[in-house]
């Protein structure tokens, strides 16, 4: 993994955990035979290809509905009349 690519990709996606998961999933796809979304020179590693795709704007993310933008979770709301207590077997 080239440190310059990592630094530039972290400017595009500032959340390190999110960047790691995006790159991890993309590397998994590339290992399985998916084609790169950018023109990659021969011999470039899968991780470098994934980071280059993030830098080029080819890979983005969408926040899930249960997570706020500040990475805190939304509290779970229970339905009326539903009891969360478990009965003993």
PDB file of N, CA and C in Angstrom:
ATOM      1  N   UNK A   1       0.849  -1.162   0.000  1.00  0.00           N
ATOM      2  CA  UNK A   1       0.000   0.000   0.000  1.00  0.00           C
ATOM      3  C   UNK A   1       0.904   1.237   0.000  1.00  0.00           C
ATOM      4  N   UNK A   2       0.643   2.113  -0.913  1.00  0.00           N
ATOM      5  CA  UNK A   2       1.458   3.309  -1.058  1.00  0.00           C
ATOM      6  C   UNK A   2       0.934   4.402  -0.120  1.00  0.00           C
ATOM      7  N   UNK A   3       1.792   4.994   0.712  1.00  0.00           N
ATOM      8  CA  UNK A   3       1.320   5.978   1.699  1.00  0.00           C
ATOM      9  C   UNK A   3       0.729   7.236   1.082  1.00  0.00           C
ATOM     10  N   UNK A   4       1.189   7.628  -0.100  1.00  0.00           N
ATOM     11  CA  UNK A   4       0.628   8.817  -0.744  1.00  0.00           C
ATOM     12  C   UNK A   4      -0.814   8.573  -1.153  1.00  0.00           C
ATOM     13  N   UNK A   5      -1.090   7.377  -1.661  1.00  0.00           N
ATOM     14  CA  UNK A   5      -2.462   7.036  -2.030  1.00  0.00           C
ATOM     15  C   UNK A   5      -3.365   7.022  -0.805  1.00  0.00           C
ATOM     16  N   UNK A   6      -2.866   6.496   0.296  1.00  0.00           N
ATOM     17  CA  UNK A   6      -3.650   6.444   1.523  1.00  0.00           C
ATOM     18  C   UNK A   6      -3.970   7.847   2.029  1.00  0.00           C
ATOM     19  N   UNK A   7      -2.991   8.727   1.972  1.00  0.00           N
ATOM     20  CA  UNK A   7      -3.196  10.107   2.427  1.00  0.00           C
ATOM     21  C   UNK A   7      -4.229  10.820   1.554  1.00  0.00           C
ATOM     22  N   UNK A   8      -4.134  10.653   0.239  1.00  0.00           N
ATOM     23  CA  UNK A   8      -5.077  11.303  -0.680  1.00  0.00           C
ATOM     24  C   UNK A   8      -6.479  10.717  -0.541  1.00  0.00           C
ATOM     25  N   UNK A   9      -6.576   9.418  -0.315  1.00  0.00           N
ATOM     26  CA  UNK A   9      -7.890   8.790  -0.141  1.00  0.00           C
ATOM     27  C   UNK A   9      -8.529   9.229   1.166  1.00  0.00           C
ATOM     28  N   UNK A  10      -7.719   9.466   2.196  1.00  0.00           N
ATOM     29  CA  UNK A  10      -8.284   9.922   3.470  1.00  0.00           C
ATOM     30  C   UNK A  10      -8.787  11.355   3.374  1.00  0.00           C
ATOM     31  N   UNK A  11      -8.342  12.105   2.383  1.00  0.00           N
ATOM     32  CA  UNK A  11      -8.908  13.437   2.152  1.00  0.00           C
ATOM     33  C   UNK A  11     -10.302  13.330   1.527  1.00  0.00           C
ATOM     34  N   UNK A  12     -10.526  12.288   0.728  1.00  0.00           N
ATOM     35  CA  UNK A  12     -11.833  12.081   0.095  1.00  0.00           C
ATOM     36  C   UNK A  12     -12.823  11.516   1.105  1.00  0.00           C
ATOM     37  N   UNK A  13     -12.402  10.512   1.873  1.00  0.00           N
ATOM     38  CA  UNK A  13     -13.240   9.896   2.909  1.00  0.00           C
ATOM     39  C   UNK A  13     -12.498  10.059   4.232  1.00  0.00           C
ATOM     40  N   UNK A  14     -12.849  11.083   5.028  1.00  0.00           N
ATOM     41  CA  UNK A  14     -12.074  11.376   6.237  1.00  0.00           C
ATOM     42  C   UNK A  14     -12.233  10.360   7.366  1.00  0.00           C
ATOM     43  N   UNK A  15     -13.313   9.618   7.393  1.00  0.00           N
ATOM     44  CA  UNK A  15     -13.532   8.624   8.439  1.00  0.00           C
ATOM     45  C   UNK A  15     -12.680   7.391   8.134  1.00  0.00           C
ATOM     46  N   UNK A  16     -11.680   7.116   8.964  1.00  0.00           N
ATOM     47  CA  UNK A  16     -10.731   6.029   8.708  1.00  0.00           C
ATOM     48  C   UNK A  16     -11.410   4.665   8.696  1.00  0.00           C
ATOM     49  N   UNK A  17     -12.342   4.436   9.599  1.00  0.00           N
ATOM     50  CA  UNK A  17     -13.022   3.137   9.649  1.00  0.00           C
ATOM     51  C   UNK A  17     -13.845   2.896   8.390  1.00  0.00           C
ATOM     52  N   UNK A  18     -14.485   3.935   7.912  1.00  0.00           N
ATOM     53  CA  UNK A  18     -15.273   3.823   6.698  1.00  0.00           C
ATOM     54  C   UNK A  18     -14.380   3.578   5.489  1.00  0.00           C
ATOM     55  N   UNK A  19     -13.266   4.271   5.427  1.00  0.00           N
ATOM     56  CA  UNK A  19     -12.323   4.082   4.329  1.00  0.00           C
ATOM     57  C   UNK A  19     -11.774   2.658   4.320  1.00  0.00           C
ATOM     58  N   UNK A  20     -11.448   2.140   5.480  1.00  0.00           N
ATOM     59  CA  UNK A  20     -10.937   0.770   5.572  1.00  0.00           C
ATOM     60  C   UNK A  20     -11.964  -0.229   5.056  1.00  0.00           C
ATOM     61  N   UNK A  21     -13.212  -0.063   5.441  1.00  0.00           N
ATOM     62  CA  UNK A  21     -14.247  -0.999   5.000  1.00  0.00           C
ATOM     63  C   UNK A  21     -14.507  -0.892   3.507  1.00  0.00           C
ATOM     64  N   UNK A  22     -14.475   0.309   2.960  1.00  0.00           N
ATOM     65  CA  UNK A  22     -14.671   0.471   1.514  1.00  0.00           C
ATOM     66  C   UNK A  22     -13.543  -0.203   0.752  1.00  0.00           C
ATOM     67  N   UNK A  23     -12.315   0.040   1.173  1.00  0.00           N
ATOM     68  CA  UNK A  23     -11.162  -0.552   0.497  1.00  0.00           C
ATOM     69  C   UNK A  23     -11.165  -2.070   0.671  1.00  0.00           C
ATOM     70  N   UNK A  24     -11.521  -2.542   1.859  1.00  0.00           N
ATOM     71  CA  UNK A  24     -11.551  -3.983   2.117  1.00  0.00           C
ATOM     72  C   UNK A  24     -12.546  -4.688   1.200  1.00  0.00           C
ATOM     73  N   UNK A  25     -13.730  -4.117   1.063  1.00  0.00           N
ATOM     74  CA  UNK A  25     -14.744  -4.736   0.208  1.00  0.00           C
ATOM     75  C   UNK A  25     -14.326  -4.695  -1.265  1.00  0.00           C
ATOM     76  N   UNK A  26     -13.712  -3.592  -1.679  1.00  0.00           N
ATOM     77  CA  UNK A  26     -13.288  -3.479  -3.071  1.00  0.00           C
ATOM     78  C   UNK A  26     -12.131  -4.431  -3.385  1.00  0.00           C
ATOM     79  N   UNK A  27     -11.195  -4.597  -2.450  1.00  0.00           N
ATOM     80  CA  UNK A  27     -10.103  -5.550  -2.645  1.00  0.00           C
ATOM     81  C   UNK A  27     -10.667  -6.961  -2.769  1.00  0.00           C
ATOM     82  N   UNK A  28     -11.649  -7.280  -1.960  1.00  0.00           N
ATOM     83  CA  UNK A  28     -12.288  -8.597  -2.043  1.00  0.00           C
ATOM     84  C   UNK A  28     -12.906  -8.808  -3.427  1.00  0.00           C
ATOM     85  N   UNK A  29     -13.552  -7.777  -3.975  1.00  0.00           N
ATOM     86  CA  UNK A  29     -14.130  -7.886  -5.314  1.00  0.00           C
ATOM     87  C   UNK A  29     -13.043  -8.059  -6.376  1.00  0.00           C
ATOM     88  N   UNK A  30     -11.963  -7.305  -6.247  1.00  0.00           N
ATOM     89  CA  UNK A  30     -10.886  -7.405  -7.230  1.00  0.00           C
ATOM     90  C   UNK A  30     -10.227  -8.777  -7.189  1.00  0.00           C
ATOM     91  N   UNK A  31     -10.063  -9.338  -6.017  1.00  0.00           N
ATOM     92  CA  UNK A  31      -9.482 -10.680  -5.893  1.00  0.00           C
ATOM     93  C   UNK A  31     -10.372 -11.711  -6.566  1.00  0.00           C
ATOM     94  N   UNK A  32     -11.673 -11.510  -6.498  1.00  0.00           N
ATOM     95  CA  UNK A  32     -12.616 -12.449  -7.112  1.00  0.00           C
ATOM     96  C   UNK A  32     -12.727 -12.283  -8.620  1.00  0.00           C
ATOM     97  N   UNK A  33     -12.034 -11.284  -9.196  1.00  0.00           N
ATOM     98  CA  UNK A  33     -12.001 -11.169 -10.640  1.00  0.00           C
ATOM     99  C   UNK A  33     -12.711  -9.975 -11.229  1.00  0.00           C
ATOM    100  N   UNK A  34     -13.252  -9.083 -10.418  1.00  0.00           N
ATOM    101  CA  UNK A  34     -13.892  -7.891 -10.956  1.00  0.00           C
ATOM    102  C   UNK A  34     -12.839  -6.994 -11.592  1.00  0.00           C
ATOM    103  N   UNK A  35     -13.250  -6.257 -12.593  1.00  0.00           N
ATOM    104  CA  UNK A  35     -12.321  -5.375 -13.285  1.00  0.00           C
ATOM    105  C   UNK A  35     -12.182  -4.055 -12.538  1.00  0.00           C
ATOM    106  N   UNK A  36     -10.992  -3.452 -12.594  1.00  0.00           N
ATOM    107  CA  UNK A  36     -10.808  -2.138 -11.966  1.00  0.00           C
ATOM    108  C   UNK A  36     -11.639  -1.073 -12.667  1.00  0.00           C
ATOM    109  N   UNK A  37     -12.082  -0.078 -11.922  1.00  0.00           N
ATOM    110  CA  UNK A  37     -12.875   1.011 -12.461  1.00  0.00           C
ATOM    111  C   UNK A  37     -11.999   2.116 -13.058  1.00  0.00           C
ATOM    112  N   UNK A  38     -10.693   1.987 -12.887  1.00  0.00           N
ATOM    113  CA  UNK A  38      -9.745   2.951 -13.441  1.00  0.00           C
ATOM    114  C   UNK A  38      -8.718   2.185 -14.268  1.00  0.00           C
ATOM    115  N   UNK A  39      -7.942   2.917 -15.057  1.00  0.00           N
ATOM    116  CA  UNK A  39      -6.856   2.282 -15.810  1.00  0.00           C
ATOM    117  C   UNK A  39      -5.694   2.053 -14.849  1.00  0.00           C
ATOM    118  N   UNK A  40      -5.463   0.812 -14.511  1.00  0.00           N
ATOM    119  CA  UNK A  40      -4.414   0.461 -13.549  1.00  0.00           C
ATOM    120  C   UNK A  40      -3.241  -0.160 -14.295  1.00  0.00           C
ATOM    121  N   UNK A  41      -2.026   0.318 -14.016  1.00  0.00           N
ATOM    122  CA  UNK A  41      -0.864  -0.288 -14.672  1.00  0.00           C
ATOM    123  C   UNK A  41      -0.642  -1.714 -14.178  1.00  0.00           C
ATOM    124  N   UNK A  42      -0.043  -2.556 -15.000  1.00  0.00           N
ATOM    125  CA  UNK A  42       0.228  -3.930 -14.571  1.00  0.00           C
ATOM    126  C   UNK A  42       1.137  -3.957 -13.343  1.00  0.00           C
ATOM    127  N   UNK A  43       0.864  -4.851 -12.443  1.00  0.00           N
ATOM    128  CA  UNK A  43       1.681  -5.001 -11.247  1.00  0.00           C
ATOM    129  C   UNK A  43       1.232  -4.150 -10.082  1.00  0.00           C
ATOM    130  N   UNK A  44       0.214  -3.331 -10.268  1.00  0.00           N
ATOM    131  CA  UNK A  44      -0.299  -2.508  -9.168  1.00  0.00           C
ATOM    132  C   UNK A  44      -1.117  -3.395  -8.243  1.00  0.00           C
ATOM    133  N   UNK A  45      -0.894  -3.282  -6.946  1.00  0.00           N
ATOM    134  CA  UNK A  45      -1.593  -4.132  -5.980  1.00  0.00           C
ATOM    135  C   UNK A  45      -3.071  -3.805  -5.892  1.00  0.00           C
ATOM    136  N   UNK A  46      -3.836  -4.769  -5.387  1.00  0.00           N
ATOM    137  CA  UNK A  46      -5.283  -4.593  -5.280  1.00  0.00           C
ATOM    138  C   UNK A  46      -5.650  -3.432  -4.356  1.00  0.00           C
ATOM    139  N   UNK A  47      -4.916  -3.295  -3.270  1.00  0.00           N
ATOM    140  CA  UNK A  47      -5.195  -2.221  -2.320  1.00  0.00           C
ATOM    141  C   UNK A  47      -4.913  -0.858  -2.957  1.00  0.00           C
ATOM    142  N   UNK A  48      -3.839  -0.764  -3.729  1.00  0.00           N
ATOM    143  CA  UNK A  48      -3.524   0.488  -4.413  1.00  0.00           C
ATOM    144  C   UNK A  48      -4.576   0.823  -5.464  1.00  0.00           C
ATOM    145  N   UNK A  49      -5.086  -0.188  -6.141  1.00  0.00           N
ATOM    146  CA  UNK A  49      -6.144   0.026  -7.124  1.00  0.00           C
ATOM    147  C   UNK A  49      -7.399   0.552  -6.429  1.00  0.00           C
ATOM    148  N   UNK A  50      -7.765  -0.052  -5.295  1.00  0.00           N
ATOM    149  CA  UNK A  50      -8.959   0.376  -4.569  1.00  0.00           C
ATOM    150  C   UNK A  50      -8.796   1.807  -4.053  1.00  0.00           C
ATOM    151  N   UNK A  51      -7.625   2.146  -3.530  1.00  0.00           N
ATOM    152  CA  UNK A  51      -7.390   3.508  -3.055  1.00  0.00           C
ATOM    153  C   UNK A  51      -7.424   4.499  -4.213  1.00  0.00           C
ATOM    154  N   UNK A  52      -6.890   4.120  -5.367  1.00  0.00           N
ATOM    155  CA  UNK A  52      -6.919   4.993  -6.538  1.00  0.00           C
ATOM    156  C   UNK A  52      -8.351   5.212  -7.020  1.00  0.00           C
ATOM    157  N   UNK A  53      -9.190   4.192  -6.900  1.00  0.00           N
ATOM    158  CA  UNK A  53     -10.595   4.341  -7.272  1.00  0.00           C
ATOM    159  C   UNK A  53     -11.316   5.300  -6.334  1.00  0.00           C
ATOM    160  N   UNK A  54     -10.974   5.264  -5.065  1.00  0.00           N
ATOM    161  CA  UNK A  54     -11.563   6.207  -4.103  1.00  0.00           C
ATOM    162  C   UNK A  54     -11.126   7.624  -4.449  1.00  0.00           C
ATOM    163  N   UNK A  55      -9.850   7.808  -4.742  1.00  0.00           N
ATOM    164  CA  UNK A  55      -9.314   9.134  -5.070  1.00  0.00           C
ATOM    165  C   UNK A  55      -9.967   9.671  -6.341  1.00  0.00           C
ATOM    166  N   UNK A  56     -10.196   8.800  -7.322  1.00  0.00           N
ATOM    167  CA  UNK A  56     -10.804   9.217  -8.593  1.00  0.00           C
ATOM    168  C   UNK A  56     -12.296   9.463  -8.469  1.00  0.00           C
ATOM    169  N   UNK A  57     -12.883   9.144  -7.327  1.00  0.00           N
ATOM    170  CA  UNK A  57     -14.318   9.361  -7.143  1.00  0.00           C
ATOM    171  C   UNK A  57     -15.182   8.253  -7.701  1.00  0.00           C
ATOM    172  N   UNK A  58     -14.582   7.123  -8.019  1.00  0.00           N
ATOM    173  CA  UNK A  58     -15.332   5.982  -8.563  1.00  0.00           C
ATOM    174  C   UNK A  58     -16.023   5.183  -7.470  1.00  0.00           C
ATOM    175  N   UNK A  59     -15.511   5.240  -6.248  1.00  0.00           N
ATOM    176  CA  UNK A  59     -16.114   4.537  -5.119  1.00  0.00           C
ATOM    177  C   UNK A  59     -16.651   5.562  -4.130  1.00  0.00           C
ATOM    178  N   UNK A  60     -17.899   5.404  -3.770  1.00  0.00           N
ATOM    179  CA  UNK A  60     -18.511   6.280  -2.775  1.00  0.00           C
ATOM    180  C   UNK A  60     -19.209   5.410  -1.750  1.00  0.00           C
ATOM    181  N   UNK A  61     -19.867   6.030  -0.805  1.00  0.00           N
ATOM    182  CA  UNK A  61     -20.591   5.282   0.207  1.00  0.00           C
ATOM    183  C   UNK A  61     -21.915   5.965   0.488  1.00  0.00           C
ATOM    184  N   UNK A  62     -22.792   5.223   1.095  1.00  0.00           N
ATOM    185  CA  UNK A  62     -24.100   5.739   1.480  1.00  0.00           C
ATOM    186  C   UNK A  62     -24.310   5.346   2.931  1.00  0.00           C
ATOM    187  N   UNK A  63     -24.651   6.315   3.761  1.00  0.00           N
ATOM    188  CA  UNK A  63     -24.843   6.044   5.176  1.00  0.00           C
ATOM    189  C   UNK A  63     -26.087   5.186   5.377  1.00  0.00           C
ATOM    190  N   UNK A  64     -25.989   4.222   6.276  1.00  0.00           N
ATOM    191  CA  UNK A  64     -27.147   3.396   6.581  1.00  0.00           C
ATOM    192  C   UNK A  64     -28.110   4.195   7.453  1.00  0.00           C
ATOM    193  N   UNK A  65     -29.400   3.854   7.447  1.00  0.00           N
ATOM    194  CA  UNK A  65     -30.373   4.656   8.189  1.00  0.00           C
ATOM    195  C   UNK A  65     -30.195   4.618   9.701  1.00  0.00           C
ATOM    196  N   UNK A  66     -29.474   3.643  10.242  1.00  0.00           N
ATOM    197  CA  UNK A  66     -29.320   3.535  11.684  1.00  0.00           C
ATOM    198  C   UNK A  66     -28.134   4.298  12.254  1.00  0.00           C
ATOM    199  N   UNK A  67     -27.380   4.968  11.399  1.00  0.00           N
ATOM    200  CA  UNK A  67     -26.183   5.665  11.874  1.00  0.00           C
ATOM    201  C   UNK A  67     -26.278   7.144  11.517  1.00  0.00           C
ATOM    202  N   UNK A  68     -26.048   7.999  12.483  1.00  0.00           N
ATOM    203  CA  UNK A  68     -26.033   9.435  12.244  1.00  0.00           C
ATOM    204  C   UNK A  68     -24.706   9.823  11.596  1.00  0.00           C
ATOM    205  N   UNK A  69     -24.635  10.989  10.947  1.00  0.00           N
ATOM    206  CA  UNK A  69     -23.370  11.409  10.327  1.00  0.00           C
ATOM    207  C   UNK A  69     -22.209  11.541  11.309  1.00  0.00           C
ATOM    208  N   UNK A  70     -22.482  11.763  12.596  1.00  0.00           N
ATOM    209  CA  UNK A  70     -21.396  11.896  13.565  1.00  0.00           C
ATOM    210  C   UNK A  70     -20.994  10.549  14.164  1.00  0.00           C
ATOM    211  N   UNK A  71     -21.409   9.443  13.515  1.00  0.00           N
ATOM    212  CA  UNK A  71     -21.061   8.067  13.884  1.00  0.00           C
ATOM    213  C   UNK A  71     -21.683   7.592  15.192  1.00  0.00           C
ATOM    214  N   UNK A  72     -22.684   8.286  15.705  1.00  0.00           N
ATOM    215  CA  UNK A  72     -23.398   7.791  16.876  1.00  0.00           C
ATOM    216  C   UNK A  72     -24.673   7.098  16.395  1.00  0.00           C
ATOM    217  N   UNK A  73     -25.103   6.097  17.120  1.00  0.00           N
ATOM    218  CA  UNK A  73     -26.236   5.310  16.686  1.00  0.00           C
ATOM    219  C   UNK A  73     -27.558   5.942  17.115  1.00  0.00           C
ATOM    220  N   UNK A  74     -28.555   5.743  16.286  1.00  0.00           N
ATOM    221  CA  UNK A  74     -29.894   6.208  16.592  1.00  0.00           C
ATOM    222  C   UNK A  74     -30.500   5.214  17.574  1.00  0.00           C
ATOM    223  N   UNK A  75     -31.160   5.677  18.642  1.00  0.00           N
ATOM    224  CA  UNK A  75     -31.751   4.730  19.584  1.00  0.00           C
ATOM    225  C   UNK A  75     -32.865   3.916  18.926  1.00  0.00           C
ATOM    226  N   UNK A  76     -32.965   2.660  19.325  1.00  0.00           N
ATOM    227  CA  UNK A  76     -33.987   1.771  18.784  1.00  0.00           C
ATOM    228  C   UNK A  76     -35.299   2.048  19.487  1.00  0.00           C
ATOM    229  N   UNK A  77     -36.341   2.237  18.689  1.00  0.00           N
ATOM    230  CA  UNK A  77     -37.667   2.518  19.230  1.00  0.00           C
ATOM    231  C   UNK A  77     -38.475   1.232  19.179  1.00  0.00           C
ATOM    232  N   UNK A  78     -39.069   0.852  20.309  1.00  0.00           N
ATOM    233  CA  UNK A  78     -39.881  -0.366  20.339  1.00  0.00           C
ATOM    234  C   UNK A  78     -41.314  -0.048  19.958  1.00  0.00           C
ATOM    235  N   UNK A  79     -41.982  -1.024  19.401  1.00  0.00           N
ATOM    236  CA  UNK A  79     -43.379  -0.863  19.036  1.00  0.00           C
ATOM    237  C   UNK A  79     -44.236  -0.909  20.291  1.00  0.00           C
ATOM    238  N   UNK A  80     -45.355  -0.175  20.285  1.00  0.00           N
ATOM    239  CA  UNK A  80     -46.234  -0.203  21.460  1.00  0.00           C
ATOM    240  C   UNK A  80     -46.802  -1.604  21.683  1.00  0.00           C
ATOM    241  N   UNK A  81     -46.844  -2.010  22.919  1.00  0.00           N
ATOM    242  CA  UNK A  81     -47.421  -3.308  23.270  1.00  0.00           C
ATOM    243  C   UNK A  81     -46.455  -4.465  23.115  1.00  0.00           C
ATOM    244  N   UNK A  82     -45.233  -4.247  22.704  1.00  0.00           N
ATOM    245  CA  UNK A  82     -44.253  -5.292  22.556  1.00  0.00           C
ATOM    246  C   UNK A  82     -43.344  -5.274  23.775  1.00  0.00           C
ATOM    247  N   UNK A  83     -43.208  -6.422  24.417  1.00  0.00           N
ATOM    248  CA  UNK A  83     -42.376  -6.524  25.594  1.00  0.00           C
ATOM    249  C   UNK A  83     -41.056  -7.171  25.222  1.00  0.00           C
ATOM    250  N   UNK A  84     -39.971  -6.573  25.646  1.00  0.00           N
ATOM    251  CA  UNK A  84     -38.654  -7.086  25.272  1.00  0.00           C
ATOM    252  C   UNK A  84     -38.137  -8.107  26.274  1.00  0.00           C
ATOM    253  N   UNK A  85     -38.892  -8.393  27.320  1.00  0.00           N
ATOM    254  CA  UNK A  85     -38.450  -9.363  28.307  1.00  0.00           C
ATOM    255  C   UNK A  85     -38.586 -10.769  27.745  1.00  0.00           C
ATOM    256  N   UNK A  86     -37.608 -11.606  28.012  1.00  0.00           N
ATOM    257  CA  UNK A  86     -37.650 -12.982  27.552  1.00  0.00           C
ATOM    258  C   UNK A  86     -38.189 -13.857  28.668  1.00  0.00           C
ATOM    259  N   UNK A  87     -38.971 -14.857  28.279  1.00  0.00           N
ATOM    260  CA  UNK A  87     -39.521 -15.794  29.257  1.00  0.00           C
ATOM    261  C   UNK A  87     -38.525 -16.923  29.490  1.00  0.00           C
ATOM    262  N   UNK A  88     -38.487 -17.429  30.689  1.00  0.00           N
ATOM    263  CA  UNK A  88     -37.620 -18.555  31.011  1.00  0.00           C
ATOM    264  C   UNK A  88     -38.123 -19.811  30.320  1.00  0.00           C
ATOM    265  N   UNK A  89     -37.218 -20.665  29.916  1.00  0.00           N
ATOM    266  CA  UNK A  89     -37.592 -21.891  29.211  1.00  0.00           C
ATOM    267  C   UNK A  89     -38.069 -22.939  30.161  1.00  0.00           C
TER     268      UNK A  89
END
